Amino acid sequence: MDKGDEMDLTVLPRSWAPYIQALFRIMVGLLFIEHGTGKLLGFPPGAVPPGEPFAMLIFTGLMELVGGALIVLGLLTRPVAFVLSGYMAVGYFMAHAPMGFFPILNHGELAILYSFAFLYFAAAGAGAWSVDAAFAGPRADRRHDALSRA
């Protein structure tokens, strides 16, 4: 089969990719912020893990609140996402893995998903609708288009 004869099974147009990526980044960031507001502001109520030391509560709450806000804005996305990916991996192994091997049983699925979502953003960047994209300007759009055609 020649390259021009390949069947295209794309459901959504490829041109939508940066915008879907941005929606994913914004939703992940907003959900992550909720963990921080629960720990630091008590909203939503009942979000504070029982028995967590105060210093750990402040540290984790700040990581989640500030890191989540930076992810939503798409500001310094790659380095912030890299740090948050490691943060969630460490969180999984500290809090969930000791309770058992299987994530469904140790309630660690969300920590794993966050870790890999942030790892994706560390590699792929923020996508559209981000401060990072605004600073990069049209040059980044041309580079992205060239890479997506390759």
Protein backbone atom coordinates (compact mmCIF):
# COMPACT_ATOMS: atom_id res chain seq x y z
CA MET A 1 0.00 0.00 0.00
CA ASP A 2 1.44 3.41 -0.95
CA LYS A 3 1.63 6.16 1.64
CA GLY A 4 -1.18 8.02 -0.19
CA ASP A 5 -3.42 4.94 -0.07
CA GLU A 6 -3.45 4.62 3.75
CA MET A 7 -6.88 4.56 5.31
CA ASP A 8 -7.47 7.44 7.72
CA LEU A 9 -9.30 6.23 10.83
CA THR A 10 -9.15 9.60 12.60
CA VAL A 11 -12.45 10.44 14.28
CA LEU A 12 -11.56 14.06 15.03
CA PRO A 13 -9.55 16.26 12.70
CA ARG A 14 -5.83 16.34 13.55
CA SER A 15 -6.00 20.12 13.61
CA TRP A 16 -8.01 19.82 16.84
CA ALA A 17 -5.15 18.09 18.70
CA PRO A 18 -3.64 21.20 20.38
CA TYR A 19 -7.10 22.27 21.56
CA ILE A 20 -8.05 18.84 22.91
CA GLN A 21 -4.64 18.76 24.61
CA ALA A 22 -5.39 22.17 26.14
CA LEU A 23 -8.81 21.00 27.39
CA PHE A 24 -7.17 17.94 28.94
CA ARG A 25 -4.49 20.13 30.60
CA ILE A 26 -7.09 22.57 31.97
CA MET A 27 -9.31 19.81 33.37
CA VAL A 28 -6.39 17.94 34.96
CA GLY A 29 -5.20 21.21 36.51
CA LEU A 30 -8.65 22.14 37.85
CA LEU A 31 -9.15 18.70 39.37
CA PHE A 32 -5.67 18.88 40.91
CA ILE A 33 -6.40 22.33 42.39
CA GLU A 34 -9.40 20.81 44.17
CA HIS A 35 -7.06 18.58 46.19
CA GLY A 36 -5.07 21.64 47.27
CA THR A 37 -8.12 23.71 48.20
CA GLY A 38 -9.45 20.80 50.23
CA LYS A 39 -6.24 20.61 52.25
CA LEU A 40 -5.53 24.32 52.62
CA LEU A 41 -8.97 25.96 52.57
CA GLY A 42 -11.20 23.15 53.78
CA PHE A 43 -13.20 23.25 50.54
CA PRO A 44 -14.66 20.91 49.60
CA PRO A 45 -15.24 19.74 53.16
CA GLY A 46 -13.90 16.31 54.08
CA ALA A 47 -11.03 16.41 51.58
CA VAL A 48 -8.31 16.39 54.26
CA PRO A 49 -6.77 12.95 54.72
CA PRO A 50 -7.14 11.87 58.37
CA GLY A 51 -3.96 11.83 60.44
CA GLU A 52 -1.78 13.71 57.94
CA PRO A 53 0.89 15.78 59.75
CA PHE A 54 0.35 19.54 59.53
CA ALA A 55 3.65 20.23 57.70
CA MET A 56 2.86 17.54 55.12
CA LEU A 57 -0.65 18.96 54.73
CA ILE A 58 0.75 22.43 53.99
CA PHE A 59 3.42 21.10 51.60
CA THR A 60 1.07 18.83 49.65
CA GLY A 61 -1.70 21.43 49.62
CA LEU A 62 0.65 24.08 48.19
CA MET A 63 2.02 21.68 45.57
CA GLU A 64 -1.52 20.85 44.47
CA LEU A 65 -2.91 24.40 44.60
CA VAL A 66 0.02 26.26 43.03
CA GLY A 67 1.03 23.44 40.68
CA GLY A 68 -2.55 22.95 39.53
CA ALA A 69 -2.98 26.69 38.90
CA LEU A 70 0.21 26.80 36.82
CA ILE A 71 -0.99 23.79 34.81
CA VAL A 72 -4.40 25.43 34.20
CA LEU A 73 -2.71 28.62 33.01
CA GLY A 74 -0.20 26.69 30.95
CA LEU A 75 2.63 28.63 32.58
CA LEU A 76 6.00 26.84 32.77
CA THR A 77 4.04 23.73 31.91
CA ARG A 78 6.89 21.35 31.10
CA PRO A 79 9.00 21.86 34.26
CA VAL A 80 5.96 22.14 36.54
CA ALA A 81 4.41 18.99 35.06
CA PHE A 82 7.71 17.12 35.44
CA VAL A 83 7.90 18.02 39.14
CA LEU A 84 4.22 17.16 39.68
CA SER A 85 4.66 13.81 37.92
CA GLY A 86 7.43 12.90 40.34
CA TYR A 87 5.43 14.29 43.26
CA MET A 88 2.50 12.02 42.42
CA ALA A 89 4.75 8.99 41.88
CA VAL A 90 6.33 9.53 45.31
CA GLY A 91 2.86 10.06 46.78
CA TYR A 92 1.70 6.77 45.32
CA PHE A 93 4.63 4.82 46.74
CA MET A 94 4.41 6.55 50.15
CA ALA A 95 0.66 6.45 50.69
CA HIS A 96 -0.84 3.76 48.48
CA ALA A 97 1.68 1.04 47.62
CA PRO A 98 2.18 0.01 51.29
CA MET A 99 -1.54 -0.89 51.40
CA GLY A 100 -1.19 -3.54 48.69
CA PHE A 101 0.05 -4.27 45.20
CA PHE A 102 -3.07 -3.59 43.14
CA PRO A 103 -3.98 0.10 42.66
CA ILE A 104 -7.71 -0.68 42.63
CA LEU A 105 -7.36 -2.14 46.13
CA ASN A 106 -4.91 0.43 47.55
CA HIS A 107 -6.91 3.38 46.10
CA GLY A 108 -3.91 4.61 44.15
CA GLU A 109 -5.44 4.79 40.66
CA LEU A 110 -5.84 8.57 40.78
CA ALA A 111 -2.24 9.12 41.89
CA ILE A 112 -1.01 6.95 39.00
CA LEU A 113 -3.25 8.73 36.48
CA TYR A 114 -2.08 12.15 37.67
CA SER A 115 1.55 11.03 37.53
CA PHE A 116 1.25 9.86 33.92
CA ALA A 117 -0.92 12.81 32.84
CA PHE A 118 1.73 15.19 34.18
CA LEU A 119 4.46 13.13 32.53
CA TYR A 120 2.59 13.57 29.23
CA PHE A 121 2.46 17.36 29.72
CA ALA A 122 6.16 17.40 30.61
CA ALA A 123 6.88 15.80 27.23
CA ALA A 124 4.16 17.37 25.04
CA GLY A 125 3.86 20.84 26.54
CA ALA A 126 0.76 22.88 27.23
CA GLY A 127 -0.95 22.89 23.86
CA ALA A 128 -3.14 25.81 22.80
CA TRP A 129 -4.69 28.40 25.11
CA SER A 130 -1.67 28.66 27.38
CA VAL A 131 0.71 31.33 28.58
CA ASP A 132 3.56 29.17 27.25
CA ALA A 133 2.03 29.22 23.75
CA ALA A 134 1.49 32.99 23.95
CA PHE A 135 5.17 33.54 24.80
CA ALA A 136 6.31 31.13 22.07
CA GLY A 137 4.29 32.96 19.41
CA PRO A 138 3.60 31.83 15.85
CA ARG A 139 7.04 30.19 15.51
CA ALA A 140 5.91 27.36 17.83
CA ASP A 141 2.74 26.86 15.75
CA ARG A 142 4.80 26.35 12.59
CA ARG A 143 7.08 23.90 14.42
CA HIS A 144 4.07 21.96 15.75
CA ASP A 145 2.51 21.80 12.27
CA ALA A 146 5.76 20.49 10.78
CA LEU A 147 6.05 17.83 13.49
CA SER A 148 2.43 16.69 13.11
CA ARG A 149 2.91 16.19 9.36
CA ALA A 150 6.05 14.08 9.88
